Amino acid sequence: AIAWSKSATAKAKWRKPQASGVDGRAGGLGNENISISDTGTLASS
């Protein structure tokens, strides 16, 4: 899961999904520029 916090230089960090269960889609991120620094294997979804 991505947790977004409101700040001038906001950072999104990964955490494990909550028990409530989220549908796997990011909603309403707006006009963010996103950098993904992962290597290895990642689901393209």
PDB file of all heavy atoms in Angstrom:
ATOM      1  N   ALA A   1       0.837  -1.193   0.000  1.00  0.00           N
ATOM      2  CA  ALA A   1       0.000   0.000   0.000  1.00  0.00           C
ATOM      3  C   ALA A   1       0.868   1.237   0.000  1.00  0.00           C
ATOM      4  O   ALA A   1       1.995   1.221   0.479  1.00  0.00           O
ATOM      5  CB  ALA A   1      -0.917   0.024   1.216  1.00  0.00           C
ATOM      6  N   ILE A   2       0.330   2.317  -0.574  1.00  0.00           N
ATOM      7  CA  ILE A   2       1.022   3.596  -0.539  1.00  0.00           C
ATOM      8  C   ILE A   2       0.282   4.496   0.436  1.00  0.00           C
ATOM      9  O   ILE A   2      -0.932   4.651   0.347  1.00  0.00           O
ATOM     10  CB  ILE A   2       1.047   4.274  -1.916  1.00  0.00           C
ATOM     11  CG1 ILE A   2       1.824   3.408  -2.901  1.00  0.00           C
ATOM     12  CG2 ILE A   2       1.668   5.646  -1.841  1.00  0.00           C
ATOM     13  CD1 ILE A   2       1.881   3.999  -4.274  1.00  0.00           C
ATOM     14  N   ALA A   3       1.003   5.051   1.357  1.00  0.00           N
ATOM     15  CA  ALA A   3       0.407   6.034   2.278  1.00  0.00           C
ATOM     16  C   ALA A   3       0.929   7.394   1.900  1.00  0.00           C
ATOM     17  O   ALA A   3       2.127   7.618   1.884  1.00  0.00           O
ATOM     18  CB  ALA A   3       0.775   5.705   3.713  1.00  0.00           C
ATOM     19  N   TRP A   4       0.044   8.283   1.547  1.00  0.00           N
ATOM     20  CA  TRP A   4       0.442   9.622   1.125  1.00  0.00           C
ATOM     21  C   TRP A   4       0.275  10.590   2.305  1.00  0.00           C
ATOM     22  O   TRP A   4      -0.763  10.636   2.939  1.00  0.00           O
ATOM     23  CB  TRP A   4      -0.433  10.095  -0.028  1.00  0.00           C
ATOM     24  CG  TRP A   4      -0.311   9.231  -1.234  1.00  0.00           C
ATOM     25  CD1 TRP A   4      -1.078   8.174  -1.572  1.00  0.00           C
ATOM     26  CD2 TRP A   4       0.658   9.356  -2.248  1.00  0.00           C
ATOM     27  NE1 TRP A   4      -0.655   7.619  -2.734  1.00  0.00           N
ATOM     28  CE2 TRP A   4       0.410   8.332  -3.183  1.00  0.00           C
ATOM     29  CE3 TRP A   4       1.727  10.241  -2.472  1.00  0.00           C
ATOM     30  CZ2 TRP A   4       1.182   8.161  -4.320  1.00  0.00           C
ATOM     31  CZ3 TRP A   4       2.485  10.073  -3.612  1.00  0.00           C
ATOM     32  CH2 TRP A   4       2.217   9.039  -4.509  1.00  0.00           C
ATOM     33  N   SER A   5       1.280  11.367   2.602  1.00  0.00           N
ATOM     34  CA  SER A   5       1.180  12.394   3.651  1.00  0.00           C
ATOM     35  C   SER A   5       1.334  13.767   3.041  1.00  0.00           C
ATOM     36  O   SER A   5       2.121  13.940   2.111  1.00  0.00           O
ATOM     37  CB  SER A   5       2.255  12.168   4.720  1.00  0.00           C
ATOM     38  OG  SER A   5       3.536  12.275   4.154  1.00  0.00           O
ATOM     39  N   LYS A   6       0.612  14.684   3.534  1.00  0.00           N
ATOM     40  CA  LYS A   6       0.585  16.020   2.959  1.00  0.00           C
ATOM     41  C   LYS A   6       1.784  16.814   3.446  1.00  0.00           C
ATOM     42  O   LYS A   6       1.928  17.102   4.615  1.00  0.00           O
ATOM     43  CB  LYS A   6      -0.712  16.720   3.360  1.00  0.00           C
ATOM     44  CG  LYS A   6      -0.898  18.082   2.717  1.00  0.00           C
ATOM     45  CD  LYS A   6      -2.253  18.639   3.097  1.00  0.00           C
ATOM     46  CE  LYS A   6      -2.486  19.994   2.459  1.00  0.00           C
ATOM     47  NZ  LYS A   6      -3.792  20.556   2.845  1.00  0.00           N
ATOM     48  N   SER A   7       2.688  17.169   2.514  1.00  0.00           N
ATOM     49  CA  SER A   7       3.830  18.014   2.828  1.00  0.00           C
ATOM     50  C   SER A   7       4.352  18.597   1.537  1.00  0.00           C
ATOM     51  O   SER A   7       3.985  18.167   0.455  1.00  0.00           O
ATOM     52  CB  SER A   7       4.938  17.206   3.526  1.00  0.00           C
ATOM     53  OG  SER A   7       5.512  16.302   2.619  1.00  0.00           O
ATOM     54  N   ALA A   8       5.253  19.571   1.646  1.00  0.00           N
ATOM     55  CA  ALA A   8       5.772  20.235   0.445  1.00  0.00           C
ATOM     56  C   ALA A   8       6.582  19.274  -0.393  1.00  0.00           C
ATOM     57  O   ALA A   8       6.634  19.390  -1.611  1.00  0.00           O
ATOM     58  CB  ALA A   8       6.607  21.447   0.838  1.00  0.00           C
ATOM     59  N   THR A   9       7.260  18.350   0.251  1.00  0.00           N
ATOM     60  CA  THR A   9       8.056  17.361  -0.491  1.00  0.00           C
ATOM     61  C   THR A   9       7.584  15.986  -0.081  1.00  0.00           C
ATOM     62  O   THR A   9       8.308  15.191   0.509  1.00  0.00           O
ATOM     63  CB  THR A   9       9.551  17.521  -0.183  1.00  0.00           C
ATOM     64  OG1 THR A   9       9.744  17.383   1.215  1.00  0.00           O
ATOM     65  CG2 THR A   9      10.057  18.876  -0.650  1.00  0.00           C
ATOM     66  N   ALA A  10       6.319  15.720  -0.383  1.00  0.00           N
ATOM     67  CA  ALA A  10       5.691  14.485   0.078  1.00  0.00           C
ATOM     68  C   ALA A  10       6.403  13.268  -0.484  1.00  0.00           C
ATOM     69  O   ALA A  10       6.810  13.259  -1.629  1.00  0.00           O
ATOM     70  CB  ALA A  10       4.228  14.473  -0.351  1.00  0.00           C
ATOM     71  N   LYS A  11       6.536  12.228   0.335  1.00  0.00           N
ATOM     72  CA  LYS A  11       7.095  10.964  -0.115  1.00  0.00           C
ATOM     73  C   LYS A  11       6.078   9.865   0.142  1.00  0.00           C
ATOM     74  O   LYS A  11       5.399   9.863   1.166  1.00  0.00           O
ATOM     75  CB  LYS A  11       8.386  10.632   0.627  1.00  0.00           C
ATOM     76  CG  LYS A  11       9.561  11.531   0.247  1.00  0.00           C
ATOM     77  CD  LYS A  11      10.829  11.049   0.922  1.00  0.00           C
ATOM     78  CE  LYS A  11      12.014  11.896   0.502  1.00  0.00           C
ATOM     79  NZ  LYS A  11      13.259  11.440   1.150  1.00  0.00           N
ATOM     80  N   ALA A  12       6.022   8.918  -0.782  1.00  0.00           N
ATOM     81  CA  ALA A  12       5.143   7.766  -0.588  1.00  0.00           C
ATOM     82  C   ALA A  12       5.992   6.565  -0.261  1.00  0.00           C
ATOM     83  O   ALA A  12       6.957   6.298  -0.952  1.00  0.00           O
ATOM     84  CB  ALA A  12       4.338   7.512  -1.846  1.00  0.00           C
ATOM     85  N   LYS A  13       5.636   5.860   0.785  1.00  0.00           N
ATOM     86  CA  LYS A  13       6.388   4.681   1.175  1.00  0.00           C
ATOM     87  C   LYS A  13       5.483   3.470   1.157  1.00  0.00           C
ATOM     88  O   LYS A  13       4.302   3.549   1.469  1.00  0.00           O
ATOM     89  CB  LYS A  13       6.970   4.865   2.578  1.00  0.00           C
ATOM     90  CG  LYS A  13       7.977   6.014   2.657  1.00  0.00           C
ATOM     91  CD  LYS A  13       8.544   6.113   4.060  1.00  0.00           C
ATOM     92  CE  LYS A  13       9.555   7.240   4.136  1.00  0.00           C
ATOM     93  NZ  LYS A  13      10.122   7.363   5.506  1.00  0.00           N
ATOM     94  N   TRP A  14       6.098   2.305   0.814  1.00  0.00           N
ATOM     95  CA  TRP A  14       5.335   1.064   0.755  1.00  0.00           C
ATOM     96  C   TRP A  14       5.142   0.491   2.154  1.00  0.00           C
ATOM     97  O   TRP A  14       6.045   0.501   2.969  1.00  0.00           O
ATOM     98  CB  TRP A  14       6.079   0.043  -0.104  1.00  0.00           C
ATOM     99  CG  TRP A  14       6.090   0.415  -1.528  1.00  0.00           C
ATOM    100  CD1 TRP A  14       7.054   1.084  -2.193  1.00  0.00           C
ATOM    101  CD2 TRP A  14       5.075   0.160  -2.473  1.00  0.00           C
ATOM    102  NE1 TRP A  14       6.708   1.266  -3.494  1.00  0.00           N
ATOM    103  CE2 TRP A  14       5.496   0.709  -3.693  1.00  0.00           C
ATOM    104  CE3 TRP A  14       3.828  -0.463  -2.409  1.00  0.00           C
ATOM    105  CZ2 TRP A  14       4.730   0.640  -4.837  1.00  0.00           C
ATOM    106  CZ3 TRP A  14       3.072  -0.538  -3.552  1.00  0.00           C
ATOM    107  CH2 TRP A  14       3.528   0.024  -4.740  1.00  0.00           C
ATOM    108  N   ARG A  15       3.943  -0.041   2.397  1.00  0.00           N
ATOM    109  CA  ARG A  15       3.713  -0.799   3.616  1.00  0.00           C
ATOM    110  C   ARG A  15       2.785  -1.953   3.268  1.00  0.00           C
ATOM    111  O   ARG A  15       2.115  -1.946   2.239  1.00  0.00           O
ATOM    112  CB  ARG A  15       3.104   0.075   4.700  1.00  0.00           C
ATOM    113  CG  ARG A  15       1.666   0.468   4.439  1.00  0.00           C
ATOM    114  CD  ARG A  15       1.132   1.422   5.481  1.00  0.00           C
ATOM    115  NE  ARG A  15      -0.269   1.707   5.246  1.00  0.00           N
ATOM    116  CZ  ARG A  15      -0.871   2.794   5.675  1.00  0.00           C
ATOM    117  NH1 ARG A  15      -0.185   3.698   6.336  1.00  0.00           N
ATOM    118  NH2 ARG A  15      -2.152   2.977   5.430  1.00  0.00           N
ATOM    119  N   LYS A  16       2.701  -2.921   4.094  1.00  0.00           N
ATOM    120  CA  LYS A  16       1.859  -4.070   3.833  1.00  0.00           C
ATOM    121  C   LYS A  16       0.397  -3.666   3.885  1.00  0.00           C
ATOM    122  O   LYS A  16       0.000  -2.788   4.624  1.00  0.00           O
ATOM    123  CB  LYS A  16       2.130  -5.167   4.856  1.00  0.00           C
ATOM    124  CG  LYS A  16       3.516  -5.774   4.679  1.00  0.00           C
ATOM    125  CD  LYS A  16       3.722  -6.924   5.630  1.00  0.00           C
ATOM    126  CE  LYS A  16       5.097  -7.537   5.411  1.00  0.00           C
ATOM    127  NZ  LYS A  16       5.347  -8.675   6.298  1.00  0.00           N
ATOM    128  N   PRO A  17      -0.455  -4.329   3.077  1.00  0.00           N
ATOM    129  CA  PRO A  17      -1.872  -3.962   3.047  1.00  0.00           C
ATOM    130  C   PRO A  17      -2.552  -4.186   4.390  1.00  0.00           C
ATOM    131  O   PRO A  17      -2.203  -5.089   5.140  1.00  0.00           O
ATOM    132  CB  PRO A  17      -2.444  -4.884   1.962  1.00  0.00           C
ATOM    133  CG  PRO A  17      -1.482  -6.015   1.883  1.00  0.00           C
ATOM    134  CD  PRO A  17      -0.136  -5.444   2.191  1.00  0.00           C
ATOM    135  N   GLN A  18      -3.542  -3.348   4.688  1.00  0.00           N
ATOM    136  CA  GLN A  18      -4.282  -3.444   5.931  1.00  0.00           C
ATOM    137  C   GLN A  18      -5.318  -4.563   5.850  1.00  0.00           C
ATOM    138  O   GLN A  18      -5.723  -4.995   4.775  1.00  0.00           O
ATOM    139  CB  GLN A  18      -4.973  -2.101   6.225  1.00  0.00           C
ATOM    140  CG  GLN A  18      -3.995  -0.929   6.250  1.00  0.00           C
ATOM    141  CD  GLN A  18      -2.906  -1.134   7.302  1.00  0.00           C
ATOM    142  OE1 GLN A  18      -3.218  -1.476   8.443  1.00  0.00           O
ATOM    143  NE2 GLN A  18      -1.656  -0.951   6.925  1.00  0.00           N
ATOM    144  N   ALA A  19      -5.778  -4.955   7.012  1.00  0.00           N
ATOM    145  CA  ALA A  19      -6.733  -6.069   7.063  1.00  0.00           C
ATOM    146  C   ALA A  19      -8.037  -5.735   6.373  1.00  0.00           C
ATOM    147  O   ALA A  19      -8.769  -6.614   5.931  1.00  0.00           O
ATOM    148  CB  ALA A  19      -6.993  -6.446   8.516  1.00  0.00           C
ATOM    149  N   SER A  20      -8.352  -4.450   6.284  1.00  0.00           N
ATOM    150  CA  SER A  20      -9.608  -4.063   5.648  1.00  0.00           C
ATOM    151  C   SER A  20      -9.633  -4.422   4.178  1.00  0.00           C
ATOM    152  O   SER A  20     -10.691  -4.558   3.577  1.00  0.00           O
ATOM    153  CB  SER A  20      -9.817  -2.558   5.810  1.00  0.00           C
ATOM    154  OG  SER A  20      -8.716  -1.857   5.229  1.00  0.00           O
ATOM    155  N   GLY A  21      -8.438  -4.559   3.566  1.00  0.00           N
ATOM    156  CA  GLY A  21      -8.372  -4.960   2.173  1.00  0.00           C
ATOM    157  C   GLY A  21      -8.660  -3.822   1.232  1.00  0.00           C
ATOM    158  O   GLY A  21      -9.718  -3.211   1.313  1.00  0.00           O
ATOM    159  N   VAL A  22      -7.730  -3.498   0.365  1.00  0.00           N
ATOM    160  CA  VAL A  22      -7.922  -2.449  -0.617  1.00  0.00           C
ATOM    161  C   VAL A  22      -7.898  -3.085  -1.991  1.00  0.00           C
ATOM    162  O   VAL A  22      -7.283  -4.120  -2.187  1.00  0.00           O
ATOM    163  CB  VAL A  22      -6.822  -1.372  -0.484  1.00  0.00           C
ATOM    164  CG1 VAL A  22      -7.176  -0.132  -1.278  1.00  0.00           C
ATOM    165  CG2 VAL A  22      -6.634  -0.998   0.979  1.00  0.00           C
ATOM    166  N   ASP A  23      -8.574  -2.511  -2.954  1.00  0.00           N
ATOM    167  CA  ASP A  23      -8.804  -3.187  -4.229  1.00  0.00           C
ATOM    168  C   ASP A  23      -7.608  -3.178  -5.163  1.00  0.00           C
ATOM    169  O   ASP A  23      -7.688  -3.654  -6.285  1.00  0.00           O
ATOM    170  CB  ASP A  23     -10.017  -2.591  -4.957  1.00  0.00           C
ATOM    171  CG  ASP A  23      -9.782  -1.143  -5.374  1.00  0.00           C
ATOM    172  OD1 ASP A  23      -8.677  -0.622  -5.125  1.00  0.00           O
ATOM    173  OD2 ASP A  23     -10.727  -0.551  -5.938  1.00  0.00           O
ATOM    174  N   GLY A  24      -6.448  -2.654  -4.771  1.00  0.00           N
ATOM    175  CA  GLY A  24      -5.265  -2.722  -5.611  1.00  0.00           C
ATOM    176  C   GLY A  24      -5.147  -1.588  -6.578  1.00  0.00           C
ATOM    177  O   GLY A  24      -4.306  -1.606  -7.471  1.00  0.00           O
ATOM    178  N   ARG A  25      -5.957  -0.561  -6.498  1.00  0.00           N
ATOM    179  CA  ARG A  25      -5.871   0.563  -7.426  1.00  0.00           C
ATOM    180  C   ARG A  25      -5.540   1.843  -6.662  1.00  0.00           C
ATOM    181  O   ARG A  25      -6.066   2.094  -5.589  1.00  0.00           O
ATOM    182  CB  ARG A  25      -7.185   0.731  -8.179  1.00  0.00           C
ATOM    183  CG  ARG A  25      -7.492  -0.409  -9.135  1.00  0.00           C
ATOM    184  CD  ARG A  25      -8.881  -0.260  -9.707  1.00  0.00           C
ATOM    185  NE  ARG A  25      -9.886  -0.362  -8.649  1.00  0.00           N
ATOM    186  CZ  ARG A  25     -11.175  -0.131  -8.844  1.00  0.00           C
ATOM    187  NH1 ARG A  25     -11.622   0.252 -10.023  1.00  0.00           N
ATOM    188  NH2 ARG A  25     -12.031  -0.255  -7.845  1.00  0.00           N
ATOM    189  N   ALA A  26      -4.681   2.650  -7.282  1.00  0.00           N
ATOM    190  CA  ALA A  26      -4.402   3.955  -6.696  1.00  0.00           C
ATOM    191  C   ALA A  26      -5.453   4.917  -7.190  1.00  0.00           C
ATOM    192  O   ALA A  26      -5.726   4.992  -8.375  1.00  0.00           O
ATOM    193  CB  ALA A  26      -3.018   4.420  -7.103  1.00  0.00           C
ATOM    194  N   GLY A  27      -6.047   5.678  -6.294  1.00  0.00           N
ATOM    195  CA  GLY A  27      -7.121   6.559  -6.716  1.00  0.00           C
ATOM    196  C   GLY A  27      -6.814   8.012  -6.441  1.00  0.00           C
ATOM    197  O   GLY A  27      -6.384   8.376  -5.353  1.00  0.00           O
ATOM    198  N   GLY A  28      -7.056   8.866  -7.424  1.00  0.00           N
ATOM    199  CA  GLY A  28      -7.002  10.295  -7.245  1.00  0.00           C
ATOM    200  C   GLY A  28      -5.656  10.837  -6.828  1.00  0.00           C
ATOM    201  O   GLY A  28      -5.560  11.641  -5.915  1.00  0.00           O
ATOM    202  N   LEU A  29      -4.564  10.385  -7.469  1.00  0.00           N
ATOM    203  CA  LEU A  29      -3.255  10.894  -7.102  1.00  0.00           C
ATOM    204  C   LEU A  29      -3.027  12.297  -7.628  1.00  0.00           C
ATOM    205  O   LEU A  29      -2.134  12.992  -7.166  1.00  0.00           O
ATOM    206  CB  LEU A  29      -2.166   9.957  -7.632  1.00  0.00           C
ATOM    207  CG  LEU A  29      -2.173   8.525  -7.100  1.00  0.00           C
ATOM    208  CD1 LEU A  29      -0.995   7.749  -7.637  1.00  0.00           C
ATOM    209  CD2 LEU A  29      -2.168   8.526  -5.574  1.00  0.00           C
ATOM    210  N   GLY A  30      -3.790  12.729  -8.611  1.00  0.00           N
ATOM    211  CA  GLY A  30      -3.642  14.081  -9.135  1.00  0.00           C
ATOM    212  C   GLY A  30      -2.515  14.192 -10.144  1.00  0.00           C
ATOM    213  O   GLY A  30      -2.328  13.333 -10.983  1.00  0.00           O
ATOM    214  N   ASN A  31      -1.716  15.263 -10.001  1.00  0.00           N
ATOM    215  CA  ASN A  31      -0.674  15.559 -10.986  1.00  0.00           C
ATOM    216  C   ASN A  31       0.709  15.235 -10.441  1.00  0.00           C
ATOM    217  O   ASN A  31       1.658  15.999 -10.636  1.00  0.00           O
ATOM    218  CB  ASN A  31      -0.762  17.034 -11.391  1.00  0.00           C
ATOM    219  CG  ASN A  31       0.133  17.347 -12.572  1.00  0.00           C
ATOM    220  OD1 ASN A  31       0.374  16.489 -13.416  1.00  0.00           O
ATOM    221  ND2 ASN A  31       0.629  18.576 -12.618  1.00  0.00           N
ATOM    222  N   GLU A  32       0.836  14.105  -9.731  1.00  0.00           N
ATOM    223  CA  GLU A  32       2.114  13.745  -9.166  1.00  0.00           C
ATOM    224  C   GLU A  32       3.060  13.182 -10.224  1.00  0.00           C
ATOM    225  O   GLU A  32       2.643  12.477 -11.140  1.00  0.00           O
ATOM    226  CB  GLU A  32       1.944  12.703  -8.051  1.00  0.00           C
ATOM    227  CG  GLU A  32       1.464  13.267  -6.738  1.00  0.00           C
ATOM    228  CD  GLU A  32      -0.014  13.585  -6.782  1.00  0.00           C
ATOM    229  OE1 GLU A  32      -0.697  13.056  -7.666  1.00  0.00           O
ATOM    230  OE2 GLU A  32      -0.479  14.367  -5.934  1.00  0.00           O
ATOM    231  N   ASN A  33       4.343  13.495 -10.062  1.00  0.00           N
ATOM    232  CA  ASN A  33       5.403  12.840 -10.816  1.00  0.00           C
ATOM    233  C   ASN A  33       5.981  11.744  -9.939  1.00  0.00           C
ATOM    234  O   ASN A  33       6.453  12.010  -8.831  1.00  0.00           O
ATOM    235  CB  ASN A  33       6.482  13.828 -11.220  1.00  0.00           C
ATOM    236  CG  ASN A  33       5.955  14.898 -12.152  1.00  0.00           C
ATOM    237  OD1 ASN A  33       5.114  14.626 -13.001  1.00  0.00           O
ATOM    238  ND2 ASN A  33       6.448  16.121 -11.987  1.00  0.00           N
ATOM    239  N   ILE A  34       5.936  10.522 -10.421  1.00  0.00           N
ATOM    240  CA  ILE A  34       6.265   9.363  -9.591  1.00  0.00           C
ATOM    241  C   ILE A  34       7.516   8.686 -10.120  1.00  0.00           C
ATOM    242  O   ILE A  34       7.637   8.412 -11.311  1.00  0.00           O
ATOM    243  CB  ILE A  34       5.101   8.368  -9.563  1.00  0.00           C
ATOM    244  CG1 ILE A  34       3.852   9.056  -9.001  1.00  0.00           C
ATOM    245  CG2 ILE A  34       5.449   7.134  -8.751  1.00  0.00           C
ATOM    246  CD1 ILE A  34       2.596   8.228  -9.099  1.00  0.00           C
ATOM    247  N   SER A  35       8.466   8.431  -9.229  1.00  0.00           N
ATOM    248  CA  SER A  35       9.685   7.701  -9.564  1.00  0.00           C
ATOM    249  C   SER A  35       9.665   6.349  -8.873  1.00  0.00           C
ATOM    250  O   SER A  35       9.405   6.273  -7.665  1.00  0.00           O
ATOM    251  CB  SER A  35      10.923   8.486  -9.131  1.00  0.00           C
ATOM    252  OG  SER A  35      11.026   9.697  -9.845  1.00  0.00           O
ATOM    253  N   ILE A  36       9.925   5.307  -9.615  1.00  0.00           N
ATOM    254  CA  ILE A  36       9.939   3.945  -9.082  1.00  0.00           C
ATOM    255  C   ILE A  36      11.370   3.435  -9.157  1.00  0.00           C
ATOM    256  O   ILE A  36      11.944   3.323 -10.239  1.00  0.00           O
ATOM    257  CB  ILE A  36       8.994   3.031  -9.869  1.00  0.00           C
ATOM    258  CG1 ILE A  36       7.560   3.567  -9.807  1.00  0.00           C
ATOM    259  CG2 ILE A  36       9.071   1.599  -9.358  1.00  0.00           C
ATOM    260  CD1 ILE A  36       6.577   2.798 -10.654  1.00  0.00           C
ATOM    261  N   SER A  37      11.945   3.157  -8.016  1.00  0.00           N
ATOM    262  CA  SER A  37      13.353   2.753  -7.976  1.00  0.00           C
ATOM    263  C   SER A  37      13.520   1.257  -7.768  1.00  0.00           C
ATOM    264  O   SER A  37      14.610   0.786  -7.461  1.00  0.00           O
ATOM    265  CB  SER A  37      14.087   3.514  -6.873  1.00  0.00           C
ATOM    266  OG  SER A  37      13.490   3.283  -5.612  1.00  0.00           O
ATOM    267  N   ASP A  38      12.450   0.500  -7.932  1.00  0.00           N
ATOM    268  CA  ASP A  38      12.523  -0.950  -7.771  1.00  0.00           C
ATOM    269  C   ASP A  38      13.454  -1.588  -8.794  1.00  0.00           C
ATOM    270  O   ASP A  38      13.569  -1.144  -9.931  1.00  0.00           O
ATOM    271  CB  ASP A  38      11.143  -1.582  -7.931  1.00  0.00           C
ATOM    272  CG  ASP A  38      10.369  -1.587  -6.630  1.00  0.00           C
ATOM    273  OD1 ASP A  38      10.185  -0.490  -6.098  1.00  0.00           O
ATOM    274  OD2 ASP A  38       9.979  -2.663  -6.174  1.00  0.00           O
ATOM    275  N   THR A  39      14.092  -2.670  -8.402  1.00  0.00           N
ATOM    276  CA  THR A  39      14.750  -3.607  -9.310  1.00  0.00           C
ATOM    277  C   THR A  39      14.257  -4.996  -8.933  1.00  0.00           C
ATOM    278  O   THR A  39      13.517  -5.165  -7.970  1.00  0.00           O
ATOM    279  CB  THR A  39      16.282  -3.533  -9.189  1.00  0.00           C
ATOM    280  OG1 THR A  39      16.650  -3.802  -7.828  1.00  0.00           O
ATOM    281  CG2 THR A  39      16.803  -2.165  -9.608  1.00  0.00           C
ATOM    282  N   GLY A  40      14.649  -5.985  -9.712  1.00  0.00           N
ATOM    283  CA  GLY A  40      14.145  -7.328  -9.453  1.00  0.00           C
ATOM    284  C   GLY A  40      12.901  -7.594 -10.277  1.00  0.00           C
ATOM    285  O   GLY A  40      12.868  -7.314 -11.472  1.00  0.00           O
ATOM    286  N   THR A  41      11.847  -8.111  -9.653  1.00  0.00           N
ATOM    287  CA  THR A  41      10.618  -8.475 -10.354  1.00  0.00           C
ATOM    288  C   THR A  41       9.438  -7.720  -9.763  1.00  0.00           C
ATOM    289  O   THR A  41       9.314  -7.603  -8.545  1.00  0.00           O
ATOM    290  CB  THR A  41      10.369  -9.990 -10.263  1.00  0.00           C
ATOM    291  OG1 THR A  41      11.475 -10.679 -10.838  1.00  0.00           O
ATOM    292  CG2 THR A  41       9.097 -10.376 -11.014  1.00  0.00           C
ATOM    293  N   LEU A  42       8.573  -7.232 -10.650  1.00  0.00           N
ATOM    294  CA  LEU A  42       7.426  -6.434 -10.229  1.00  0.00           C
ATOM    295  C   LEU A  42       6.239  -6.750 -11.133  1.00  0.00           C
ATOM    296  O   LEU A  42       6.400  -6.890 -12.347  1.00  0.00           O
ATOM    297  CB  LEU A  42       7.773  -4.946 -10.314  1.00  0.00           C
ATOM    298  CG  LEU A  42       6.695  -3.930  -9.905  1.00  0.00           C
ATOM    299  CD1 LEU A  42       6.424  -4.022  -8.406  1.00  0.00           C
ATOM    300  CD2 LEU A  42       7.139  -2.519 -10.281  1.00  0.00           C
ATOM    301  N   ALA A  43       5.055  -6.876 -10.554  1.00  0.00           N
ATOM    302  CA  ALA A  43       3.847  -7.058 -11.359  1.00  0.00           C
ATOM    303  C   ALA A  43       3.579  -5.782 -12.154  1.00  0.00           C
ATOM    304  O   ALA A  43       3.542  -4.682 -11.593  1.00  0.00           O
ATOM    305  CB  ALA A  43       2.665  -7.398 -10.479  1.00  0.00           C
ATOM    306  N   SER A  44       3.397  -5.914 -13.452  1.00  0.00           N
ATOM    307  CA  SER A  44       3.196  -4.731 -14.294  1.00  0.00           C
ATOM    308  C   SER A  44       1.908  -4.000 -13.950  1.00  0.00           C
ATOM    309  O   SER A  44       1.763  -2.809 -14.253  1.00  0.00           O
ATOM    310  CB  SER A  44       3.191  -5.134 -15.771  1.00  0.00           C
ATOM    311  OG  SER A  44       2.158  -6.065 -16.040  1.00  0.00           O
ATOM    312  N   SER A  45       0.958  -4.691 -13.306  1.00  0.00           N
ATOM    313  CA  SER A  45      -0.289  -4.031 -12.897  1.00  0.00           C
ATOM    314  C   SER A  45      -0.024  -2.897 -11.907  1.00  0.00           C
ATOM    315  O   SER A  45      -0.812  -1.959 -11.796  1.00  0.00           O
ATOM    316  CB  SER A  45      -1.244  -5.048 -12.280  1.00  0.00           C
ATOM    317  OG  SER A  45      -0.629  -5.708 -11.189  1.00  0.00           O
TER     318      SER A  45
END
